[in-house]
Amino acid sequence: MEIVVKGRRVEVPARLRAYAQEKLAKVEKLCPKVIRVDVEVSRERNPRLASSCERVELTCVSAGPPIRAEAAAETMTAAFDLAWEKLESRLRKAADRRRIHHGRTPPPAGRIPPGSEAELLAVPAEEPEPDVDQLPASEQPTHGLDLVTRGDDVAVHHSGPMVVREKVHVAAPMTLDQALYQMELVGHDFYLFVDQDSGLPSVVYRRRGYDYGVIRLASASSPDGHEARRTSPDKQEAPIR
């Protein structure tokens, strides 16, 4: 398994590289299919954010969906430890899911039912960008999907908000359970996908507590749109745990 440590406009100390190599050696035991772990370190220049100025993002790359975690703290080592804690938890959940799937054992109460990992296609949700110039298109993750970027910057000549980035993610439809699983692996609060049963663009998102919500987008002028509006409330009222 390869471990790649890089800094985004910041020098990564040798001691942190060695520390990351030591800690991330455990990844191979938790998930033998991981072929590479990317460690990206960045620094927030705003003095008001001194307590969380160092940010570390960890991404496990394999033939399946990516598993990602990130954290920020006052020091690089502290940020790495927080990110590693999240990543280790997600790796263990993924391992539990594989055991449930292969053993055909009913999942414990409150757990997401298993799906077929081999058929999943990851479409990571976009996170808020602190600075549109900090994330060039060449640095965006493309594992597991075909990514089409229509221009890095789009000039809009007016005083209002500007559209600075437009992307199209091409992905295979998936079930709601698969979308929930993907969202948990990348640690986002929402996940965009195409629903396999209805064929509608959908978003699953976290609600308060341990529940989730689902929003599906249907055309109001089509028969399918009327049908979707009639059936979707029944699906959304039942809590997804």
Protein backbone atom coordinates (compact mmCIF):
# COMPACT_ATOMS: atom_id res chain seq x y z
CA MET A 1 0.00 0.00 0.00
CA GLU A 2 1.33 3.41 -1.00
CA ILE A 3 1.15 6.43 1.32
CA VAL A 4 1.45 9.84 -0.36
CA VAL A 5 1.93 12.89 1.87
CA LYS A 6 1.76 16.33 0.27
CA GLY A 7 1.26 19.92 1.35
CA ARG A 8 -0.90 22.49 -0.39
CA ARG A 9 1.23 25.63 -0.35
CA VAL A 10 2.77 24.52 2.94
CA GLU A 11 5.89 22.54 3.83
CA VAL A 12 5.17 19.20 5.53
CA PRO A 13 7.75 18.46 8.27
CA ALA A 14 9.66 15.18 8.09
CA ARG A 15 8.41 14.18 11.54
CA LEU A 16 4.79 14.43 10.38
CA ARG A 17 5.56 12.34 7.30
CA ALA A 18 7.09 9.64 9.51
CA TYR A 19 4.18 9.86 11.95
CA ALA A 20 1.66 9.48 9.12
CA GLN A 21 3.49 6.46 7.71
CA GLU A 22 3.40 4.79 11.13
CA LYS A 23 -0.27 5.46 11.82
CA LEU A 24 -1.57 4.70 8.33
CA ALA A 25 0.14 1.31 8.24
CA LYS A 26 -2.97 0.08 10.08
CA VAL A 27 -5.18 0.87 7.08
CA GLU A 28 -4.04 -2.25 5.21
CA LYS A 29 -5.23 -4.46 8.07
CA LEU A 30 -8.62 -2.78 8.28
CA CYS A 31 -9.17 -2.70 4.50
CA PRO A 32 -6.76 -4.87 2.46
CA LYS A 33 -8.19 -3.55 -0.83
CA VAL A 34 -6.83 -0.04 -0.27
CA ILE A 35 -3.97 0.57 -2.71
CA ARG A 36 -3.09 4.15 -1.72
CA VAL A 37 -3.70 6.62 1.07
CA ASP A 38 -3.41 10.31 0.18
CA VAL A 39 -2.54 12.74 2.96
CA GLU A 40 -3.03 16.41 2.12
CA VAL A 41 -1.98 19.14 4.55
CA SER A 42 -3.07 22.76 4.17
CA ARG A 43 -2.93 25.90 6.30
CA GLU A 44 -5.51 28.61 6.93
CA ARG A 45 -3.88 32.05 6.77
CA ASN A 46 -6.67 33.90 8.57
CA PRO A 47 -5.35 34.83 12.07
CA ARG A 48 -8.89 34.62 13.46
CA LEU A 49 -8.83 30.87 12.79
CA ALA A 50 -5.57 30.21 14.62
CA SER A 51 -7.13 27.43 16.71
CA SER A 52 -7.96 25.47 13.55
CA CYS A 53 -5.38 26.78 11.11
CA GLU A 54 -3.88 23.39 10.20
CA ARG A 55 -6.06 21.07 8.11
CA VAL A 56 -5.40 17.44 7.19
CA GLU A 57 -7.41 15.39 4.69
CA LEU A 58 -7.01 11.61 4.41
CA THR A 59 -8.33 9.69 1.40
CA CYS A 60 -8.19 5.92 0.93
CA VAL A 61 -8.13 4.93 -2.74
CA SER A 62 -9.17 1.44 -3.85
CA ALA A 63 -11.15 -0.31 -6.57
CA GLY A 64 -14.31 0.54 -4.61
CA PRO A 65 -15.66 3.85 -3.33
CA PRO A 66 -13.20 6.26 -1.69
CA ILE A 67 -13.15 6.60 2.09
CA ARG A 68 -12.30 10.10 3.27
CA ALA A 69 -11.87 12.06 6.50
CA GLU A 70 -10.60 15.51 7.34
CA ALA A 71 -10.05 17.64 10.43
CA ALA A 72 -8.56 20.96 11.50
CA ALA A 73 -6.63 21.87 14.65
CA GLU A 74 -3.98 24.22 15.98
CA THR A 75 -1.11 21.91 14.99
CA MET A 76 -0.57 19.52 12.08
CA THR A 77 -0.16 16.52 14.38
CA ALA A 78 -3.37 17.28 16.26
CA ALA A 79 -5.26 17.72 12.98
CA PHE A 80 -3.85 14.44 11.69
CA ASP A 81 -4.89 12.59 14.86
CA LEU A 82 -8.45 13.90 14.59
CA ALA A 83 -8.67 12.97 10.89
CA TRP A 84 -7.20 9.53 11.56
CA GLU A 85 -9.77 8.90 14.31
CA LYS A 86 -12.58 9.62 11.85
CA LEU A 87 -10.99 7.56 9.07
CA GLU A 88 -10.39 4.56 11.33
CA SER A 89 -14.04 4.62 12.42
CA ARG A 90 -15.24 4.68 8.79
CA LEU A 91 -12.87 1.88 7.82
CA ARG A 92 -14.23 -0.29 10.64
CA LYS A 93 -17.81 0.44 9.57
CA ALA A 94 -16.94 -0.54 6.00
CA ALA A 95 -15.34 -3.77 7.26
CA ASP A 96 -18.45 -4.56 9.33
CA ARG A 97 -20.62 -3.98 6.27
CA ARG A 98 -18.52 -6.36 4.18
CA ARG A 99 -18.80 -9.07 6.85
CA ILE A 100 -22.57 -8.64 7.03
CA HIS A 101 -22.84 -8.76 3.24
CA HIS A 102 -20.66 -11.83 2.72
CA GLY A 103 -22.05 -13.70 5.73
CA ARG A 104 -25.68 -12.90 4.86
CA THR A 105 -26.21 -11.98 8.52
CA PRO A 106 -29.09 -9.60 9.29
CA PRO A 107 -27.72 -6.17 10.24
CA PRO A 108 -28.07 -4.96 13.84
CA ALA A 109 -30.88 -2.56 14.64
CA GLY A 110 -30.17 0.95 13.44
CA ARG A 111 -27.60 -0.11 10.86
CA ILE A 112 -27.88 0.52 7.12
CA PRO A 113 -28.71 -2.70 5.21
CA PRO A 114 -25.85 -3.93 3.04
CA GLY A 115 -25.60 -3.47 -0.73
CA SER A 116 -23.23 -4.60 -3.45
CA GLU A 117 -19.96 -2.63 -3.16
CA ALA A 118 -18.72 -3.81 -6.55
CA GLU A 119 -21.56 -1.98 -8.30
CA LEU A 120 -21.16 1.31 -6.46
CA LEU A 121 -19.90 4.44 -8.18
CA ALA A 122 -18.75 7.21 -5.88
CA VAL A 123 -19.88 10.77 -6.47
CA PRO A 124 -18.43 12.82 -3.58
CA ALA A 125 -20.52 15.77 -2.51
CA GLU A 126 -18.91 19.16 -2.95
CA GLU A 127 -17.77 20.92 0.22
CA PRO A 128 -17.90 24.70 0.74
CA GLU A 129 -14.81 26.32 -0.73
CA PRO A 130 -13.07 28.96 1.39
CA ASP A 131 -11.33 30.41 -1.69
CA VAL A 132 -12.26 29.54 -5.26
CA ASP A 133 -8.63 29.93 -6.32
CA GLN A 134 -7.37 27.36 -3.81
CA LEU A 135 -8.89 24.34 -5.52
CA PRO A 136 -7.93 24.14 -9.21
CA ALA A 137 -9.78 21.63 -11.33
CA SER A 138 -6.63 19.51 -11.69
CA GLU A 139 -6.67 18.83 -7.93
CA GLN A 140 -10.25 17.66 -7.73
CA PRO A 141 -10.71 13.90 -6.99
CA THR A 142 -11.77 11.88 -10.04
CA HIS A 143 -11.61 8.34 -8.60
CA GLY A 144 -14.64 6.24 -9.46
CA LEU A 145 -16.33 8.71 -11.79
CA ASP A 146 -16.08 10.51 -15.11
CA LEU A 147 -15.66 14.20 -14.36
CA VAL A 148 -16.38 16.90 -16.92
CA THR A 149 -15.38 20.46 -16.02
CA ARG A 150 -16.76 23.29 -18.12
CA GLY A 151 -14.18 26.00 -17.62
CA ASP A 152 -12.26 26.89 -14.49
CA ASP A 153 -13.65 30.41 -14.16
CA VAL A 154 -16.73 31.94 -15.74
CA ALA A 155 -16.74 35.75 -15.89
CA VAL A 156 -20.11 37.31 -15.12
CA HIS A 157 -20.22 41.06 -15.70
CA HIS A 158 -22.62 42.30 -13.04
CA SER A 159 -22.52 43.28 -9.39
CA GLY A 160 -24.32 40.17 -8.09
CA PRO A 161 -22.97 36.70 -7.22
CA MET A 162 -20.83 34.99 -9.85
CA VAL A 163 -20.88 31.41 -11.07
CA VAL A 164 -17.23 30.45 -10.70
CA ARG A 165 -17.41 26.70 -11.22
CA GLU A 166 -19.66 24.31 -13.11
CA LYS A 167 -19.30 20.53 -13.03
CA VAL A 168 -21.08 17.46 -14.34
CA HIS A 169 -20.67 14.18 -12.45
CA VAL A 170 -21.52 11.12 -14.55
CA ALA A 171 -22.57 8.21 -12.31
CA ALA A 172 -24.61 5.03 -12.41
CA PRO A 173 -27.97 5.03 -10.57
CA MET A 174 -27.91 3.61 -7.03
CA THR A 175 -30.34 2.68 -4.28
CA LEU A 176 -31.04 4.84 -1.26
CA ASP A 177 -29.11 2.44 0.99
CA GLN A 178 -26.08 2.66 -1.28
CA ALA A 179 -26.25 6.47 -1.27
CA LEU A 180 -26.38 6.49 2.54
CA TYR A 181 -23.37 4.21 2.66
CA GLN A 182 -21.43 6.43 0.27
CA MET A 183 -22.30 9.53 2.32
CA GLU A 184 -21.05 7.88 5.51
CA LEU A 185 -17.75 6.89 3.87
CA VAL A 186 -16.89 10.43 2.80
CA GLY A 187 -18.27 12.07 5.94
CA HIS A 188 -20.56 14.59 4.24
CA ASP A 189 -23.91 15.87 5.52
CA PHE A 190 -25.61 15.34 2.15
CA TYR A 191 -25.15 13.19 -0.94
CA LEU A 192 -26.37 13.72 -4.50
CA PHE A 193 -27.34 10.63 -6.54
CA VAL A 194 -29.74 9.28 -9.16
CA ASP A 195 -32.31 7.01 -7.54
CA GLN A 196 -32.27 3.53 -9.06
CA ASP A 197 -35.98 2.85 -8.46
CA SER A 198 -37.48 6.14 -9.66
CA GLY A 199 -34.71 7.42 -11.95
CA LEU A 200 -35.02 10.85 -10.32
CA PRO A 201 -32.15 13.11 -9.21
CA SER A 202 -32.16 12.85 -5.42
CA VAL A 203 -30.36 14.12 -2.33
CA VAL A 204 -30.11 12.30 0.98
CA TYR A 205 -29.15 14.47 3.94
CA ARG A 206 -28.65 14.29 7.69
CA ARG A 207 -31.37 15.45 10.04
CA ARG A 208 -31.20 15.98 13.78
CA GLY A 209 -30.34 12.91 15.80
CA TYR A 210 -29.65 9.81 13.72
CA ASP A 211 -32.34 10.30 11.07
CA TYR A 212 -31.96 11.14 7.39
CA GLY A 213 -34.12 12.95 4.88
CA VAL A 214 -34.53 12.47 1.12
CA ILE A 215 -35.36 15.09 -1.51
CA ARG A 216 -36.22 13.96 -5.04
CA LEU A 217 -36.51 16.32 -8.01
CA ALA A 218 -39.33 15.68 -10.51
CA SER A 219 -40.74 17.75 -13.35
CA ALA A 220 -44.11 19.30 -12.47
CA SER A 221 -45.29 19.10 -16.10
CA SER A 222 -44.72 15.37 -16.56
CA PRO A 223 -46.94 12.47 -15.43
CA ASP A 224 -43.95 11.05 -13.60
CA GLY A 225 -43.63 14.30 -11.69
CA HIS A 226 -47.22 14.04 -10.41
CA GLU A 227 -46.67 10.44 -9.44
CA ALA A 228 -43.43 11.29 -7.64
CA ARG A 229 -45.12 14.02 -5.59
CA ARG A 230 -47.91 11.61 -4.64
CA THR A 231 -45.62 8.80 -3.48
CA SER A 232 -42.59 10.63 -2.09
CA PRO A 233 -44.21 11.85 1.18
CA ASP A 234 -44.81 8.25 2.26
CA LYS A 235 -41.15 7.46 1.69
CA GLN A 236 -39.92 10.58 3.46
CA GLU A 237 -42.09 10.23 6.57
CA ALA A 238 -40.46 6.96 7.56
CA PRO A 239 -37.19 7.71 9.38
CA ILE A 240 -34.08 6.17 7.89
CA ARG A 241 -31.74 4.96 10.61
